[in-house]
């Protein structure tokens, strides 16, 4: 029974456990900053018209629509 080998194993276990706990807490705290419920409409309004039209591939007659109409169409189709 080698005491230093056992001590090394215990220390490694403690280090790995503390890293996992720290990662879990940082993930939980990030929820407070980002929020649980994100308004899809506000996220889509930040995109450009070209990006919105790229999301609507296969939908006809979207060339004359403005940004608000494109966002509404995306929300309805998804």
PDB file of N, CA and C in Angstrom:
ATOM      1  N   UNK A   1       0.846  -1.185   0.000  1.00  0.00           N
ATOM      2  CA  UNK A   1       0.000   0.000   0.000  1.00  0.00           C
ATOM      3  C   UNK A   1       0.893   1.251   0.000  1.00  0.00           C
ATOM      4  N   UNK A   2       0.878   1.933  -1.108  1.00  0.00           N
ATOM      5  CA  UNK A   2       1.719   3.106  -1.272  1.00  0.00           C
ATOM      6  C   UNK A   2       0.909   4.353  -0.925  1.00  0.00           C
ATOM      7  N   UNK A   3       1.347   5.077   0.086  1.00  0.00           N
ATOM      8  CA  UNK A   3       0.594   6.236   0.587  1.00  0.00           C
ATOM      9  C   UNK A   3       0.606   7.400  -0.395  1.00  0.00           C
ATOM     10  N   UNK A   4       1.696   7.627  -1.086  1.00  0.00           N
ATOM     11  CA  UNK A   4       1.751   8.756  -2.019  1.00  0.00           C
ATOM     12  C   UNK A   4       0.854   8.515  -3.230  1.00  0.00           C
ATOM     13  N   UNK A   5       0.727   7.287  -3.679  1.00  0.00           N
ATOM     14  CA  UNK A   5      -0.152   6.988  -4.804  1.00  0.00           C
ATOM     15  C   UNK A   5      -1.603   7.245  -4.431  1.00  0.00           C
ATOM     16  N   UNK A   6      -1.988   6.833  -3.242  1.00  0.00           N
ATOM     17  CA  UNK A   6      -3.360   7.076  -2.783  1.00  0.00           C
ATOM     18  C   UNK A   6      -3.615   8.567  -2.590  1.00  0.00           C
ATOM     19  N   UNK A   7      -2.635   9.281  -2.060  1.00  0.00           N
ATOM     20  CA  UNK A   7      -2.790  10.721  -1.871  1.00  0.00           C
ATOM     21  C   UNK A   7      -2.914  11.424  -3.221  1.00  0.00           C
ATOM     22  N   UNK A   8      -2.145  10.975  -4.202  1.00  0.00           N
ATOM     23  CA  UNK A   8      -2.240  11.557  -5.543  1.00  0.00           C
ATOM     24  C   UNK A   8      -3.624  11.325  -6.141  1.00  0.00           C
ATOM     25  N   UNK A   9      -4.153  10.140  -5.943  1.00  0.00           N
ATOM     26  CA  UNK A   9      -5.490   9.834  -6.472  1.00  0.00           C
ATOM     27  C   UNK A   9      -6.559  10.698  -5.812  1.00  0.00           C
ATOM     28  N   UNK A  10      -6.450  10.872  -4.499  1.00  0.00           N
ATOM     29  CA  UNK A  10      -7.428  11.694  -3.784  1.00  0.00           C
ATOM     30  C   UNK A  10      -7.332  13.147  -4.242  1.00  0.00           C
ATOM     31  N   UNK A  11      -6.115  13.650  -4.388  1.00  0.00           N
ATOM     32  CA  UNK A  11      -5.939  15.035  -4.841  1.00  0.00           C
ATOM     33  C   UNK A  11      -6.480  15.232  -6.250  1.00  0.00           C
ATOM     34  N   UNK A  12      -6.237  14.275  -7.126  1.00  0.00           N
ATOM     35  CA  UNK A  12      -6.748  14.371  -8.498  1.00  0.00           C
ATOM     36  C   UNK A  12      -8.262  14.344  -8.504  1.00  0.00           C
ATOM     37  N   UNK A  13      -8.842  13.493  -7.677  1.00  0.00           N
ATOM     38  CA  UNK A  13     -10.298  13.437  -7.570  1.00  0.00           C
ATOM     39  C   UNK A  13     -10.857  14.771  -7.077  1.00  0.00           C
ATOM     40  N   UNK A  14     -10.226  15.354  -6.057  1.00  0.00           N
ATOM     41  CA  UNK A  14     -10.690  16.638  -5.521  1.00  0.00           C
ATOM     42  C   UNK A  14     -10.571  17.751  -6.559  1.00  0.00           C
ATOM     43  N   UNK A  15      -9.500  17.763  -7.309  1.00  0.00           N
ATOM     44  CA  UNK A  15      -9.308  18.793  -8.328  1.00  0.00           C
ATOM     45  C   UNK A  15     -10.348  18.660  -9.433  1.00  0.00           C
ATOM     46  N   UNK A  16     -10.563  17.432  -9.909  1.00  0.00           N
ATOM     47  CA  UNK A  16     -11.546  17.219 -10.976  1.00  0.00           C
ATOM     48  C   UNK A  16     -12.961  17.529 -10.501  1.00  0.00           C
ATOM     49  N   UNK A  17     -13.272  17.175  -9.265  1.00  0.00           N
ATOM     50  CA  UNK A  17     -14.594  17.468  -8.709  1.00  0.00           C
ATOM     51  C   UNK A  17     -14.812  18.967  -8.579  1.00  0.00           C
ATOM     52  N   UNK A  18     -13.806  19.671  -8.096  1.00  0.00           N
ATOM     53  CA  UNK A  18     -13.954  21.123  -7.948  1.00  0.00           C
ATOM     54  C   UNK A  18     -14.102  21.800  -9.314  1.00  0.00           C
ATOM     55  N   UNK A  19     -13.412  21.289 -10.327  1.00  0.00           N
ATOM     56  CA  UNK A  19     -13.565  21.858 -11.669  1.00  0.00           C
ATOM     57  C   UNK A  19     -14.969  21.612 -12.215  1.00  0.00           C
ATOM     58  N   UNK A  20     -15.520  20.437 -11.978  1.00  0.00           N
ATOM     59  CA  UNK A  20     -16.871  20.134 -12.443  1.00  0.00           C
ATOM     60  C   UNK A  20     -17.905  20.993 -11.723  1.00  0.00           C
ATOM     61  N   UNK A  21     -17.729  21.187 -10.433  1.00  0.00           N
ATOM     62  CA  UNK A  21     -18.661  22.022  -9.667  1.00  0.00           C
ATOM     63  C   UNK A  21     -18.574  23.470 -10.123  1.00  0.00           C
ATOM     64  N   UNK A  22     -17.376  23.966 -10.351  1.00  0.00           N
ATOM     65  CA  UNK A  22     -17.206  25.338 -10.835  1.00  0.00           C
ATOM     66  C   UNK A  22     -17.874  25.529 -12.194  1.00  0.00           C
ATOM     67  N   UNK A  23     -17.720  24.560 -13.084  1.00  0.00           N
ATOM     68  CA  UNK A  23     -18.348  24.636 -14.403  1.00  0.00           C
ATOM     69  C   UNK A  23     -19.869  24.637 -14.277  1.00  0.00           C
ATOM     70  N   UNK A  24     -20.412  23.814 -13.380  1.00  0.00           N
ATOM     71  CA  UNK A  24     -21.865  23.774 -13.191  1.00  0.00           C
ATOM     72  C   UNK A  24     -22.380  25.106 -12.656  1.00  0.00           C
ATOM     73  N   UNK A  25     -21.674  25.697 -11.694  1.00  0.00           N
ATOM     74  CA  UNK A  25     -22.111  26.987 -11.155  1.00  0.00           C
ATOM     75  C   UNK A  25     -22.010  28.095 -12.197  1.00  0.00           C
ATOM     76  N   UNK A  26     -20.969  28.072 -12.997  1.00  0.00           N
ATOM     77  CA  UNK A  26     -20.842  29.112 -14.023  1.00  0.00           C
ATOM     78  C   UNK A  26     -21.950  28.978 -15.068  1.00  0.00           C
ATOM     79  N   UNK A  27     -22.355  27.747 -15.363  1.00  0.00           N
ATOM     80  CA  UNK A  27     -23.464  27.546 -16.292  1.00  0.00           C
ATOM     81  C   UNK A  27     -24.767  28.066 -15.696  1.00  0.00           C
ATOM     82  N   UNK A  28     -25.000  27.782 -14.444  1.00  0.00           N
ATOM     83  CA  UNK A  28     -26.216  28.277 -13.784  1.00  0.00           C
ATOM     84  C   UNK A  28     -26.233  29.797 -13.711  1.00  0.00           C
ATOM     85  N   UNK A  29     -25.104  30.414 -13.452  1.00  0.00           N
ATOM     86  CA  UNK A  29     -25.052  31.873 -13.382  1.00  0.00           C
ATOM     87  C   UNK A  29     -25.213  32.517 -14.752  1.00  0.00           C
ATOM     88  N   UNK A  30     -24.818  31.825 -15.799  1.00  0.00           N
ATOM     89  CA  UNK A  30     -24.983  32.386 -17.138  1.00  0.00           C
ATOM     90  C   UNK A  30     -26.454  32.449 -17.530  1.00  0.00           C
ATOM     91  N   UNK A  31     -27.282  31.603 -16.937  1.00  0.00           N
ATOM     92  CA  UNK A  31     -28.714  31.650 -17.209  1.00  0.00           C
ATOM     93  C   UNK A  31     -29.302  32.977 -16.743  1.00  0.00           C
ATOM     94  N   UNK A  32     -28.782  33.501 -15.641  1.00  0.00           N
ATOM     95  CA  UNK A  32     -29.280  34.786 -15.143  1.00  0.00           C
ATOM     96  C   UNK A  32     -28.982  35.912 -16.122  1.00  0.00           C
ATOM     97  N   UNK A  33     -27.826  35.864 -16.765  1.00  0.00           N
ATOM     98  CA  UNK A  33     -27.450  36.922 -17.719  1.00  0.00           C
ATOM     99  C   UNK A  33     -28.200  36.785 -19.035  1.00  0.00           C
ATOM    100  N   UNK A  34     -28.258  35.580 -19.569  1.00  0.00           N
ATOM    101  CA  UNK A  34     -28.863  35.372 -20.872  1.00  0.00           C
ATOM    102  C   UNK A  34     -30.373  35.269 -20.804  1.00  0.00           C
ATOM    103  N   UNK A  35     -30.902  34.799 -19.723  1.00  0.00           N
ATOM    104  CA  UNK A  35     -32.338  34.629 -19.582  1.00  0.00           C
ATOM    105  C   UNK A  35     -32.791  33.284 -20.118  1.00  0.00           C
ATOM    106  N   UNK A  36     -33.914  32.841 -19.618  1.00  0.00           N
ATOM    107  CA  UNK A  36     -34.453  31.552 -20.029  1.00  0.00           C
ATOM    108  C   UNK A  36     -35.297  31.718 -21.281  1.00  0.00           C
ATOM    109  N   UNK A  37     -36.155  32.699 -21.251  1.00  0.00           N
ATOM    110  CA  UNK A  37     -37.055  32.935 -22.377  1.00  0.00           C
ATOM    111  C   UNK A  37     -36.523  34.092 -23.209  1.00  0.00           C
ATOM    112  N   UNK A  38     -36.239  33.816 -24.462  1.00  0.00           N
ATOM    113  CA  UNK A  38     -35.710  34.827 -25.369  1.00  0.00           C
ATOM    114  C   UNK A  38     -36.789  35.140 -26.397  1.00  0.00           C
ATOM    115  N   UNK A  39     -37.033  36.414 -26.612  1.00  0.00           N
ATOM    116  CA  UNK A  39     -38.037  36.843 -27.576  1.00  0.00           C
ATOM    117  C   UNK A  39     -37.495  36.644 -28.991  1.00  0.00           C
ATOM    118  N   UNK A  40     -38.085  35.704 -29.706  1.00  0.00           N
ATOM    119  CA  UNK A  40     -37.614  35.387 -31.055  1.00  0.00           C
ATOM    120  C   UNK A  40     -37.775  36.564 -32.003  1.00  0.00           C
ATOM    121  N   UNK A  41     -38.832  37.325 -31.828  1.00  0.00           N
ATOM    122  CA  UNK A  41     -39.078  38.442 -32.738  1.00  0.00           C
ATOM    123  C   UNK A  41     -37.969  39.490 -32.636  1.00  0.00           C
ATOM    124  N   UNK A  42     -37.534  39.784 -31.420  1.00  0.00           N
ATOM    125  CA  UNK A  42     -36.471  40.778 -31.265  1.00  0.00           C
ATOM    126  C   UNK A  42     -35.144  40.260 -31.824  1.00  0.00           C
ATOM    127  N   UNK A  43     -34.895  38.959 -31.698  1.00  0.00           N
ATOM    128  CA  UNK A  43     -33.681  38.390 -32.293  1.00  0.00           C
ATOM    129  C   UNK A  43     -33.725  38.464 -33.812  1.00  0.00           C
ATOM    130  N   UNK A  44     -34.903  38.192 -34.385  1.00  0.00           N
ATOM    131  CA  UNK A  44     -35.029  38.243 -35.842  1.00  0.00           C
ATOM    132  C   UNK A  44     -34.947  39.673 -36.366  1.00  0.00           C
ATOM    133  N   UNK A  45     -35.415  40.636 -35.590  1.00  0.00           N
ATOM    134  CA  UNK A  45     -35.361  42.034 -36.021  1.00  0.00           C
ATOM    135  C   UNK A  45     -33.915  42.541 -36.106  1.00  0.00           C
ATOM    136  N   UNK A  46     -32.990  41.882 -35.425  1.00  0.00           N
ATOM    137  CA  UNK A  46     -31.588  42.289 -35.478  1.00  0.00           C
ATOM    138  C   UNK A  46     -30.900  41.805 -36.748  1.00  0.00           C
ATOM    139  N   UNK A  47     -31.495  40.857 -37.447  1.00  0.00           N
ATOM    140  CA  UNK A  47     -30.905  40.321 -38.672  1.00  0.00           C
ATOM    141  C   UNK A  47     -31.205  41.260 -39.845  1.00  0.00           C
ATOM    142  N   UNK A  48     -30.419  41.127 -40.898  1.00  0.00           N
ATOM    143  CA  UNK A  48     -30.636  41.936 -42.090  1.00  0.00           C
ATOM    144  C   UNK A  48     -31.715  41.290 -42.956  1.00  0.00           C
ATOM    145  N   UNK A  49     -32.214  42.064 -43.914  1.00  0.00           N
ATOM    146  CA  UNK A  49     -33.228  41.530 -44.828  1.00  0.00           C
ATOM    147  C   UNK A  49     -32.684  40.351 -45.628  1.00  0.00           C
ATOM    148  N   UNK A  50     -31.435  40.428 -46.011  1.00  0.00           N
ATOM    149  CA  UNK A  50     -30.821  39.331 -46.777  1.00  0.00           C
ATOM    150  C   UNK A  50     -30.795  38.047 -45.939  1.00  0.00           C
ATOM    151  N   UNK A  51     -30.464  38.156 -44.661  1.00  0.00           N
ATOM    152  CA  UNK A  51     -30.437  36.983 -43.780  1.00  0.00           C
ATOM    153  C   UNK A  51     -31.839  36.423 -43.571  1.00  0.00           C
ATOM    154  N   UNK A  52     -32.806  37.322 -43.448  1.00  0.00           N
ATOM    155  CA  UNK A  52     -34.189  36.872 -43.256  1.00  0.00           C
ATOM    156  C   UNK A  52     -34.700  36.154 -44.503  1.00  0.00           C
ATOM    157  N   UNK A  53     -34.370  36.690 -45.666  1.00  0.00           N
ATOM    158  CA  UNK A  53     -34.800  36.045 -46.916  1.00  0.00           C
ATOM    159  C   UNK A  53     -34.120  34.693 -47.086  1.00  0.00           C
ATOM    160  N   UNK A  54     -32.890  34.568 -46.606  1.00  0.00           N
ATOM    161  CA  UNK A  54     -32.189  33.283 -46.679  1.00  0.00           C
ATOM    162  C   UNK A  54     -32.866  32.235 -45.793  1.00  0.00           C
ATOM    163  N   UNK A  55     -33.503  32.683 -44.742  1.00  0.00           N
ATOM    164  CA  UNK A  55     -34.225  31.755 -43.868  1.00  0.00           C
ATOM    165  C   UNK A  55     -35.533  31.301 -44.498  1.00  0.00           C
ATOM    166  N   UNK A  56     -36.015  32.038 -45.479  1.00  0.00           N
ATOM    167  CA  UNK A  56     -37.292  31.736 -46.124  1.00  0.00           C
ATOM    168  C   UNK A  56     -37.099  31.108 -47.502  1.00  0.00           C
ATOM    169  N   UNK A  57     -36.109  30.273 -47.645  1.00  0.00           N
ATOM    170  CA  UNK A  57     -35.873  29.618 -48.937  1.00  0.00           C
ATOM    171  C   UNK A  57     -37.054  28.702 -49.244  1.00  0.00           C
ATOM    172  N   UNK A  58     -37.576  28.819 -50.448  1.00  0.00           N
ATOM    173  CA  UNK A  58     -38.710  28.003 -50.868  1.00  0.00           C
ATOM    174  C   UNK A  58     -40.041  28.721 -50.765  1.00  0.00           C
ATOM    175  N   UNK A  59     -40.075  29.870 -50.109  1.00  0.00           N
ATOM    176  CA  UNK A  59     -41.301  30.657 -49.999  1.00  0.00           C
ATOM    177  C   UNK A  59     -41.321  31.647 -51.155  1.00  0.00           C
ATOM    178  N   UNK A  60     -42.435  31.710 -51.841  1.00  0.00           N
ATOM    179  CA  UNK A  60     -42.530  32.580 -53.016  1.00  0.00           C
ATOM    180  C   UNK A  60     -42.995  33.975 -52.628  1.00  0.00           C
ATOM    181  N   UNK A  61     -42.734  34.908 -53.488  1.00  0.00           N
ATOM    182  CA  UNK A  61     -43.130  36.318 -53.414  1.00  0.00           C
ATOM    183  C   UNK A  61     -42.709  36.989 -52.107  1.00  0.00           C
ATOM    184  N   UNK A  62     -41.419  36.899 -51.789  1.00  0.00           N
ATOM    185  CA  UNK A  62     -40.911  37.583 -50.598  1.00  0.00           C
ATOM    186  C   UNK A  62     -40.018  38.765 -50.964  1.00  0.00           C
ATOM    187  N   UNK A  63     -39.821  39.003 -52.237  1.00  0.00           N
ATOM    188  CA  UNK A  63     -38.878  40.044 -52.648  1.00  0.00           C
ATOM    189  C   UNK A  63     -39.363  41.450 -52.309  1.00  0.00           C
ATOM    190  N   UNK A  64     -40.672  41.671 -52.245  1.00  0.00           N
ATOM    191  CA  UNK A  64     -41.196  43.012 -51.988  1.00  0.00           C
ATOM    192  C   UNK A  64     -41.559  43.248 -50.527  1.00  0.00           C
ATOM    193  N   UNK A  65     -41.297  42.299 -49.652  1.00  0.00           N
ATOM    194  CA  UNK A  65     -41.682  42.441 -48.253  1.00  0.00           C
ATOM    195  C   UNK A  65     -40.644  43.236 -47.471  1.00  0.00           C
ATOM    196  N   UNK A  66     -41.114  44.006 -46.483  1.00  0.00           N
ATOM    197  CA  UNK A  66     -40.185  44.731 -45.628  1.00  0.00           C
ATOM    198  C   UNK A  66     -39.774  43.834 -44.452  1.00  0.00           C
ATOM    199  N   UNK A  67     -38.918  44.345 -43.600  1.00  0.00           N
ATOM    200  CA  UNK A  67     -38.351  43.539 -42.525  1.00  0.00           C
ATOM    201  C   UNK A  67     -39.416  43.003 -41.578  1.00  0.00           C
ATOM    202  N   UNK A  68     -40.355  43.849 -41.188  1.00  0.00           N
ATOM    203  CA  UNK A  68     -41.405  43.432 -40.256  1.00  0.00           C
ATOM    204  C   UNK A  68     -42.248  42.306 -40.857  1.00  0.00           C
ATOM    205  N   UNK A  69     -42.561  42.422 -42.128  1.00  0.00           N
ATOM    206  CA  UNK A  69     -43.346  41.379 -42.783  1.00  0.00           C
ATOM    207  C   UNK A  69     -42.549  40.074 -42.900  1.00  0.00           C
ATOM    208  N   UNK A  70     -41.256  40.181 -43.172  1.00  0.00           N
ATOM    209  CA  UNK A  70     -40.414  38.986 -43.252  1.00  0.00           C
ATOM    210  C   UNK A  70     -40.337  38.276 -41.902  1.00  0.00           C
ATOM    211  N   UNK A  71     -40.179  39.055 -40.831  1.00  0.00           N
ATOM    212  CA  UNK A  71     -40.115  38.465 -39.485  1.00  0.00           C
ATOM    213  C   UNK A  71     -41.437  37.773 -39.155  1.00  0.00           C
ATOM    214  N   UNK A  72     -42.551  38.435 -39.445  1.00  0.00           N
ATOM    215  CA  UNK A  72     -43.847  37.829 -39.176  1.00  0.00           C
ATOM    216  C   UNK A  72     -44.028  36.518 -39.979  1.00  0.00           C
ATOM    217  N   UNK A  73     -43.571  36.527 -41.208  1.00  0.00           N
ATOM    218  CA  UNK A  73     -43.675  35.331 -42.042  1.00  0.00           C
ATOM    219  C   UNK A  73     -42.810  34.190 -41.489  1.00  0.00           C
ATOM    220  N   UNK A  74     -41.627  34.520 -41.008  1.00  0.00           N
ATOM    221  CA  UNK A  74     -40.770  33.500 -40.420  1.00  0.00           C
ATOM    222  C   UNK A  74     -41.403  32.920 -39.172  1.00  0.00           C
ATOM    223  N   UNK A  75     -41.994  33.782 -38.347  1.00  0.00           N
ATOM    224  CA  UNK A  75     -42.622  33.295 -37.113  1.00  0.00           C
ATOM    225  C   UNK A  75     -43.828  32.416 -37.402  1.00  0.00           C
ATOM    226  N   UNK A  76     -44.548  32.731 -38.474  1.00  0.00           N
ATOM    227  CA  UNK A  76     -45.735  31.932 -38.829  1.00  0.00           C
ATOM    228  C   UNK A  76     -45.325  30.583 -39.407  1.00  0.00           C
ATOM    229  N   UNK A  77     -44.278  30.579 -40.241  1.00  0.00           N
ATOM    230  CA  UNK A  77     -43.883  29.327 -40.893  1.00  0.00           C
ATOM    231  C   UNK A  77     -43.128  28.382 -39.969  1.00  0.00           C
ATOM    232  N   UNK A  78     -42.545  28.880 -38.893  1.00  0.00           N
ATOM    233  CA  UNK A  78     -41.807  27.966 -38.013  1.00  0.00           C
ATOM    234  C   UNK A  78     -42.592  27.514 -36.821  1.00  0.00           C
TER     235      UNK A  78
END
